[in-house]
Amino acid sequence: MDTLDLLKSLTSAVGVSGKENNVCSLLCNILKEYGEVNVDAMNNVTCTFGEGKHFLLDAHIDEIGMIVKAVTDDGFIKVDKCGGIDARMLLASEVSVWGKREVKGVISNLPPHLQKSDDKKPPKIDEISIDIGMTKDEALEVISLGDRVTFKRNFQKLLGTQVCSSVLDDRSGVGAILLAVERLKNINAKITVCFSAQEEVGTRGAGVAVYDKDVDEAIVVDVSFGYTPLCKKSDCGEIGKGVMIGFSPILDSSMSGLMQETAKKNNIPYQVEVMGGGHTGTNADVITISQSGVKTSLLSIPQKYMHSPVEIVDTRDVEATAELIVQYIKERVGDVNA
């Protein structure tokens, strides 16, 4: 698999929390060559193959977005949040409303000439309106209450090995798992791929998806903060410097340590991410306490500008994440020369 082409394909699919059907269909088609694929009532996509020690590989498929609440008498669309939308990003953004067909629009913005001092604050979600250039009757022909809204799809290859898109959280994690699975399809182990739904609205999908899988170890792949000048360095990794290995009170310390040893042994570029408190903000939080508890580790891809229309990752970090998953599982099943 070519990493760039894979990420372009994954980020083109629409999948706002609770309505992940489009990206589900794409992933079902990809995974069917590895084993039987199932989609549950929450839109979690799972595929299990092989026999032996049982590893779960999880990344979430849903993206942040908005949900249509109303169509005004003058044809503007009113919305609410689906996930952690940053209000600062909204004004004048290009968006798509996913109704009976894609309807492109822009979020309305008051020109600076007409602004008062209070107008310069970021708007609340119930204050914004989407302009789709239609009357109310025209809009209601193609748009229904409950339809989802996303930022414009804008996949761009930047200089070097960096790419930009609005949905690299967490399609880059999905991509890393797919790269790993292609190399693990004949491994002496049982692998369950879990592409989980509704992470952005409370890590809801993963807890359900893993509940009856009886796994020995889980590896969660998500994105984490890549350093930019407005960030605190101690809270961030660096883009292009490798996979971030999580250490946290809720993660299995032996797995985190073995991940680090495996990265060193195989010359895989990595960074250490330390998270205090009782949560990581990822699916690891619910997977660790599923059934009677699951040993879980967290691998993160450093990403700039999280939850914005211009998220950036480095394909080398995606590939390093995949490589660490492959080598770790090989070490755990004694198949290092496979």
Protein backbone atom coordinates (compact mmCIF):
# COMPACT_ATOMS: atom_id res chain seq x y z
CA MET A 1 0.00 0.00 0.00
CA ASP A 2 1.23 3.49 -0.81
CA THR A 3 0.80 5.60 2.32
CA LEU A 4 -0.06 8.82 0.50
CA ASP A 5 -2.70 7.19 -1.70
CA LEU A 6 -4.14 5.35 1.30
CA LEU A 7 -4.51 8.54 3.34
CA LYS A 8 -6.06 10.36 0.39
CA SER A 9 -8.66 7.61 0.02
CA LEU A 10 -9.41 7.41 3.74
CA THR A 11 -9.83 11.17 4.17
CA SER A 12 -12.16 11.43 1.19
CA ALA A 13 -14.81 9.34 2.95
CA VAL A 14 -17.38 11.16 5.09
CA GLY A 15 -18.03 9.90 8.61
CA VAL A 16 -19.27 12.41 11.17
CA SER A 17 -19.99 10.82 14.57
CA GLY A 18 -23.13 8.71 14.51
CA LYS A 19 -23.32 8.68 10.73
CA GLU A 20 -20.15 6.88 9.68
CA ASN A 21 -21.83 4.84 6.91
CA ASN A 22 -19.72 6.16 4.04
CA VAL A 23 -16.37 5.41 5.64
CA CYS A 24 -17.75 2.09 6.95
CA SER A 25 -18.43 0.98 3.36
CA LEU A 26 -14.92 1.94 2.27
CA LEU A 27 -13.30 0.01 5.13
CA CYS A 28 -15.49 -3.05 4.62
CA ASN A 29 -14.23 -3.26 1.05
CA ILE A 30 -10.61 -2.95 2.16
CA LEU A 31 -10.84 -5.44 5.03
CA LYS A 32 -12.75 -8.21 3.25
CA GLU A 33 -9.53 -9.66 1.84
CA TYR A 34 -8.30 -10.41 5.37
CA GLY A 35 -11.35 -12.07 6.92
CA GLU A 36 -15.04 -11.82 7.67
CA VAL A 37 -16.08 -8.22 8.25
CA ASN A 38 -18.87 -7.14 10.59
CA VAL A 39 -20.55 -3.79 11.17
CA ASP A 40 -22.48 -3.56 14.43
CA ALA A 41 -25.40 -1.37 15.49
CA MET A 42 -23.06 1.52 16.34
CA ASN A 43 -21.17 1.44 13.01
CA ASN A 44 -18.07 -0.19 14.46
CA VAL A 45 -16.27 -2.14 11.73
CA THR A 46 -14.43 -5.28 12.89
CA CYS A 47 -12.47 -8.00 11.14
CA THR A 48 -10.82 -11.00 12.82
CA PHE A 49 -8.34 -13.41 11.29
CA GLY A 50 -5.67 -15.89 12.39
CA GLU A 51 -5.22 -18.01 15.50
CA GLY A 52 -3.16 -17.73 18.68
CA LYS A 53 -2.51 -14.87 21.07
CA HIS A 54 -5.27 -12.35 20.43
CA PHE A 55 -4.39 -8.72 19.64
CA LEU A 56 -6.90 -5.93 19.10
CA LEU A 57 -5.87 -3.03 16.85
CA ASP A 58 -8.17 -0.04 17.27
CA ALA A 59 -8.51 3.37 15.61
CA HIS A 60 -11.61 5.50 15.39
CA ILE A 61 -13.26 6.31 12.08
CA ASP A 62 -15.55 9.18 13.01
CA GLU A 63 -14.73 12.83 12.44
CA ILE A 64 -15.88 16.01 14.10
CA GLY A 65 -18.61 17.95 12.34
CA MET A 66 -22.02 19.49 12.82
CA ILE A 67 -25.65 18.38 12.68
CA VAL A 68 -28.49 20.29 11.02
CA LYS A 69 -30.99 21.66 13.54
CA ALA A 70 -33.13 23.96 11.41
CA VAL A 71 -33.58 25.68 8.06
CA THR A 72 -34.53 29.32 8.53
CA ASP A 73 -37.23 31.12 6.56
CA ASP A 74 -34.53 32.84 4.51
CA GLY A 75 -32.78 29.58 3.64
CA PHE A 76 -29.87 29.53 6.08
CA ILE A 77 -28.89 26.33 7.90
CA LYS A 78 -28.65 26.27 11.71
CA VAL A 79 -26.48 23.60 13.33
CA ASP A 80 -25.19 22.07 16.54
CA LYS A 81 -21.85 20.36 17.31
CA CYS A 82 -20.91 16.74 16.67
CA GLY A 83 -17.68 16.48 18.63
CA GLY A 84 -15.12 19.11 19.57
CA ILE A 85 -15.61 21.79 16.94
CA ASP A 86 -13.41 24.83 17.60
CA ALA A 87 -15.59 27.92 17.21
CA ARG A 88 -12.59 30.00 16.16
CA MET A 89 -12.38 27.96 12.94
CA LEU A 90 -15.96 28.46 11.84
CA LEU A 91 -16.51 31.91 10.39
CA ALA A 92 -16.12 31.99 6.58
CA SER A 93 -15.21 28.28 6.45
CA GLU A 94 -16.22 26.26 3.40
CA VAL A 95 -18.45 23.34 4.37
CA SER A 96 -20.55 20.55 2.89
CA VAL A 97 -24.02 19.58 4.06
CA TRP A 98 -24.51 15.84 3.42
CA GLY A 99 -28.18 15.56 2.58
CA LYS A 100 -29.73 13.65 -0.32
CA ARG A 101 -26.64 14.89 -2.12
CA GLU A 102 -23.64 16.99 -1.14
CA VAL A 103 -24.65 20.65 -0.77
CA LYS A 104 -21.71 23.03 -0.59
CA GLY A 105 -21.91 26.18 1.46
CA VAL A 106 -20.03 28.71 3.55
CA ILE A 107 -20.47 29.76 7.15
CA SER A 108 -21.77 33.32 7.13
CA ASN A 109 -19.51 36.06 8.39
CA LEU A 110 -20.15 39.68 9.29
CA PRO A 111 -17.81 41.99 7.33
CA PRO A 112 -15.32 43.83 9.57
CA HIS A 113 -16.77 47.18 8.45
CA LEU A 114 -20.05 46.31 10.19
CA GLN A 115 -18.61 44.72 13.32
CA LYS A 116 -18.93 46.09 16.81
CA SER A 117 -16.46 45.14 19.55
CA ASP A 118 -18.61 42.22 20.76
CA ASP A 119 -18.77 40.80 17.22
CA LYS A 120 -15.03 40.03 17.29
CA LYS A 121 -15.39 37.19 19.79
CA PRO A 122 -15.62 33.61 18.48
CA PRO A 123 -19.29 32.80 17.87
CA LYS A 124 -21.27 30.26 19.85
CA ILE A 125 -22.44 27.32 17.78
CA ASP A 126 -26.08 28.45 17.93
CA GLU A 127 -25.10 31.84 16.52
CA ILE A 128 -23.66 30.63 13.23
CA SER A 129 -25.55 30.08 9.98
CA ILE A 130 -24.55 28.22 6.84
CA ASP A 131 -25.24 29.94 3.54
CA ILE A 132 -26.00 27.41 0.79
CA GLY A 133 -27.45 29.93 -1.67
CA MET A 134 -30.94 28.41 -1.59
CA THR A 135 -34.40 29.39 -0.49
CA LYS A 136 -35.99 27.46 2.36
CA ASP A 137 -38.11 25.39 -0.03
CA GLU A 138 -35.11 24.59 -2.22
CA ALA A 139 -33.03 23.61 0.81
CA LEU A 140 -35.72 21.31 2.20
CA GLU A 141 -35.79 19.42 -1.10
CA VAL A 142 -32.29 18.06 -0.41
CA ILE A 143 -31.54 18.69 3.28
CA SER A 144 -33.24 17.13 6.31
CA LEU A 145 -32.94 17.87 10.01
CA GLY A 146 -30.23 15.61 11.42
CA ASP A 147 -28.05 15.67 8.30
CA ARG A 148 -24.35 16.07 9.01
CA VAL A 149 -22.05 18.94 8.02
CA THR A 150 -18.30 18.73 7.48
CA PHE A 151 -15.51 21.08 6.59
CA LYS A 152 -14.59 21.05 2.90
CA ARG A 153 -12.56 17.99 1.90
CA ASN A 154 -9.13 19.43 1.24
CA PHE A 155 -6.47 16.72 1.08
CA GLN A 156 -3.16 18.33 0.11
CA LYS A 157 0.36 16.98 -0.19
CA LEU A 158 2.74 19.53 1.29
CA LEU A 159 6.48 19.75 0.79
CA GLY A 160 8.47 16.70 1.83
CA THR A 161 6.40 13.97 3.47
CA GLN A 162 3.75 16.05 5.20
CA VAL A 163 0.07 15.98 4.24
CA CYS A 164 -2.85 18.21 5.18
CA SER A 165 -6.53 17.34 5.52
CA SER A 166 -9.51 18.04 7.75
CA VAL A 167 -9.90 14.41 8.87
CA LEU A 168 -6.43 13.04 9.64
CA ASP A 169 -7.80 12.59 13.18
CA ASP A 170 -8.02 9.66 13.07
CA ARG A 171 -7.88 8.44 9.49
CA SER A 172 -4.08 8.54 9.82
CA GLY A 173 -4.44 6.02 12.66
CA VAL A 174 -6.70 3.88 10.48
CA GLY A 175 -4.06 4.09 7.77
CA ALA A 176 -1.29 2.97 10.13
CA ILE A 177 -3.31 -0.10 11.15
CA LEU A 178 -4.07 -1.00 7.54
CA LEU A 179 -0.38 -0.77 6.67
CA ALA A 180 0.40 -3.06 9.62
CA VAL A 181 -2.38 -5.55 8.87
CA GLU A 182 -1.10 -6.12 5.34
CA ARG A 183 2.13 -7.40 6.90
CA LEU A 184 0.44 -9.34 9.69
CA LYS A 185 -2.08 -11.31 7.63
CA ASN A 186 0.01 -14.50 7.90
CA ILE A 187 1.32 -13.99 11.44
CA ASN A 188 1.04 -16.76 14.03
CA ALA A 189 -1.52 -14.82 16.06
CA LYS A 190 -5.17 -13.84 16.15
CA ILE A 191 -5.77 -10.25 15.05
CA THR A 192 -8.96 -8.27 15.46
CA VAL A 193 -9.07 -4.97 13.62
CA CYS A 194 -11.54 -2.59 15.20
CA PHE A 195 -12.36 0.63 13.38
CA SER A 196 -14.61 2.21 15.96
CA ALA A 197 -17.37 4.80 15.76
CA GLN A 198 -18.38 7.75 17.94
CA GLU A 199 -15.01 8.41 19.57
CA GLU A 200 -15.43 12.15 19.11
CA VAL A 201 -18.66 12.17 21.14
CA GLY A 202 -17.37 10.25 24.14
CA THR A 203 -15.39 7.13 23.07
CA ARG A 204 -18.72 5.33 22.77
CA GLY A 205 -18.06 2.85 19.98
CA ALA A 206 -14.89 1.15 21.14
CA GLY A 207 -16.26 0.06 24.50
CA VAL A 208 -19.08 -1.77 22.76
CA ALA A 209 -16.97 -3.20 19.94
CA VAL A 210 -14.37 -4.83 22.18
CA TYR A 211 -16.80 -6.14 24.80
CA ASP A 212 -17.24 -9.67 23.42
CA LYS A 213 -13.89 -10.07 21.67
CA ASP A 214 -11.94 -11.67 24.56
CA VAL A 215 -8.61 -10.15 23.53
CA ASP A 216 -5.28 -10.59 25.27
CA GLU A 217 -3.82 -7.19 24.43
CA ALA A 218 -5.10 -4.05 22.74
CA ILE A 219 -3.17 -1.44 20.78
CA VAL A 220 -5.01 1.85 20.27
CA VAL A 221 -3.80 4.19 17.54
CA ASP A 222 -4.80 7.85 17.56
CA VAL A 223 -3.26 11.25 16.95
CA SER A 224 -1.68 13.53 19.54
CA PHE A 225 -0.35 17.06 19.63
CA GLY A 226 2.50 17.97 17.31
CA TYR A 227 4.48 21.04 18.34
CA THR A 228 3.77 24.43 16.78
CA PRO A 229 4.92 27.85 18.07
CA LEU A 230 1.72 28.43 20.08
CA CYS A 231 2.09 25.13 21.98
CA LYS A 232 3.88 24.20 25.19
CA LYS A 233 6.73 21.87 24.20
CA SER A 234 6.31 19.57 27.18
CA ASP A 235 2.73 18.80 26.04
CA CYS A 236 3.70 17.88 22.49
CA GLY A 237 5.62 15.54 20.26
CA GLU A 238 7.37 16.66 17.11
CA ILE A 239 6.00 15.94 13.68
CA GLY A 240 8.36 13.80 11.61
CA LYS A 241 10.20 12.46 14.69
CA GLY A 242 8.35 9.15 14.92
CA VAL A 243 5.51 7.39 16.69
CA MET A 244 4.55 8.60 20.18
CA ILE A 245 4.50 5.77 22.76
CA GLY A 246 2.05 6.50 25.55
CA PHE A 247 2.81 6.16 29.26
CA SER A 248 -0.14 6.73 31.58
CA PRO A 249 -1.62 5.39 34.84
CA ILE A 250 -4.42 3.77 32.83
CA LEU A 251 -2.15 2.12 30.24
CA ASP A 252 -0.35 -1.16 30.83
CA SER A 253 3.16 -0.16 31.90
CA SER A 254 4.74 -3.42 30.71
CA MET A 255 3.28 -2.95 27.22
CA SER A 256 4.49 0.65 27.08
CA GLY A 257 7.96 -0.47 28.12
CA LEU A 258 8.04 -3.31 25.60
CA MET A 259 6.90 -0.91 22.87
CA GLN A 260 9.86 1.31 23.70
CA GLU A 261 12.30 -1.63 23.75
CA THR A 262 10.93 -2.89 20.41
CA ALA A 263 11.32 0.54 18.83
CA LYS A 264 14.93 0.76 20.01
CA LYS A 265 15.76 -2.78 18.88
CA ASN A 266 14.36 -2.22 15.39
CA ASN A 267 15.57 1.38 14.93
CA ILE A 268 12.02 2.68 14.68
CA PRO A 269 11.86 6.44 15.35
CA TYR A 270 9.76 7.09 18.44
CA GLN A 271 8.91 9.64 21.10
CA VAL A 272 7.61 9.17 24.64
CA GLU A 273 4.29 10.76 25.57
CA VAL A 274 3.50 10.94 29.29
CA MET A 275 -0.13 11.51 30.29
CA GLY A 276 -1.07 11.96 33.93
CA GLY A 277 -4.49 11.60 35.50
CA GLY A 278 -7.08 8.96 34.82
CA HIS A 279 -7.63 9.32 31.12
CA THR A 280 -5.84 9.70 27.78
CA GLY A 281 -8.73 11.19 25.82
CA THR A 282 -8.69 8.20 23.46
CA ASN A 283 -10.43 4.85 23.06
CA ALA A 284 -7.84 3.37 25.41
CA ASP A 285 -9.89 4.85 28.26
CA VAL A 286 -12.85 2.54 27.60
CA ILE A 287 -11.01 -0.48 26.22
CA THR A 288 -8.88 -0.89 29.36
CA ILE A 289 -12.01 -1.33 31.50
CA SER A 290 -13.97 -3.54 29.10
CA GLN A 291 -15.07 -6.91 30.53
CA SER A 292 -12.66 -7.74 33.36
CA GLY A 293 -10.00 -5.39 31.98
CA VAL A 294 -7.78 -5.42 28.90
CA LYS A 295 -4.04 -4.76 28.80
CA THR A 296 -3.80 -1.74 26.51
CA SER A 297 -1.14 0.45 24.98
CA LEU A 298 -1.52 3.71 23.08
CA LEU A 299 0.45 4.72 20.01
CA SER A 300 -0.09 8.24 18.69
CA ILE A 301 0.80 10.00 15.46
CA PRO A 302 1.94 13.59 16.08
CA GLN A 303 -0.42 16.00 14.38
CA LYS A 304 -0.49 19.77 13.97
CA TYR A 305 -3.71 21.77 14.24
CA MET A 306 -5.97 19.09 15.70
CA HIS A 307 -9.74 19.51 15.20
CA SER A 308 -9.26 22.08 12.47
CA PRO A 309 -9.77 22.05 8.68
CA VAL A 310 -5.97 21.93 8.19
CA GLU A 311 -4.68 19.00 10.26
CA ILE A 312 -1.15 17.98 9.28
CA VAL A 313 0.74 14.72 9.75
CA ASP A 314 3.95 13.29 8.35
CA THR A 315 3.63 10.03 6.41
CA ARG A 316 6.91 8.86 7.98
CA ASP A 317 5.21 8.93 11.41
CA VAL A 318 2.26 6.92 10.07
CA GLU A 319 4.70 4.34 8.69
CA ALA A 320 6.72 4.27 11.93
CA THR A 321 3.51 3.55 13.83
CA ALA A 322 2.69 0.66 11.50
CA GLU A 323 6.23 -0.69 11.77
CA LEU A 324 6.11 -0.65 15.58
CA ILE A 325 2.78 -2.52 15.62
CA VAL A 326 4.21 -5.20 13.31
CA GLN A 327 7.47 -5.66 15.19
CA TYR A 328 5.81 -5.61 18.62
CA ILE A 329 3.35 -8.37 17.67
CA LYS A 330 6.12 -10.42 16.07
CA GLU A 331 8.15 -10.16 19.28
CA ARG A 332 5.17 -11.15 21.40
CA VAL A 333 4.47 -14.32 19.40
CA GLY A 334 8.11 -15.27 18.88
CA ASP A 335 7.94 -14.70 15.13
CA VAL A 336 10.65 -12.09 14.75
CA ASN A 337 11.95 -13.56 11.50
CA ALA A 338 8.54 -13.78 9.82
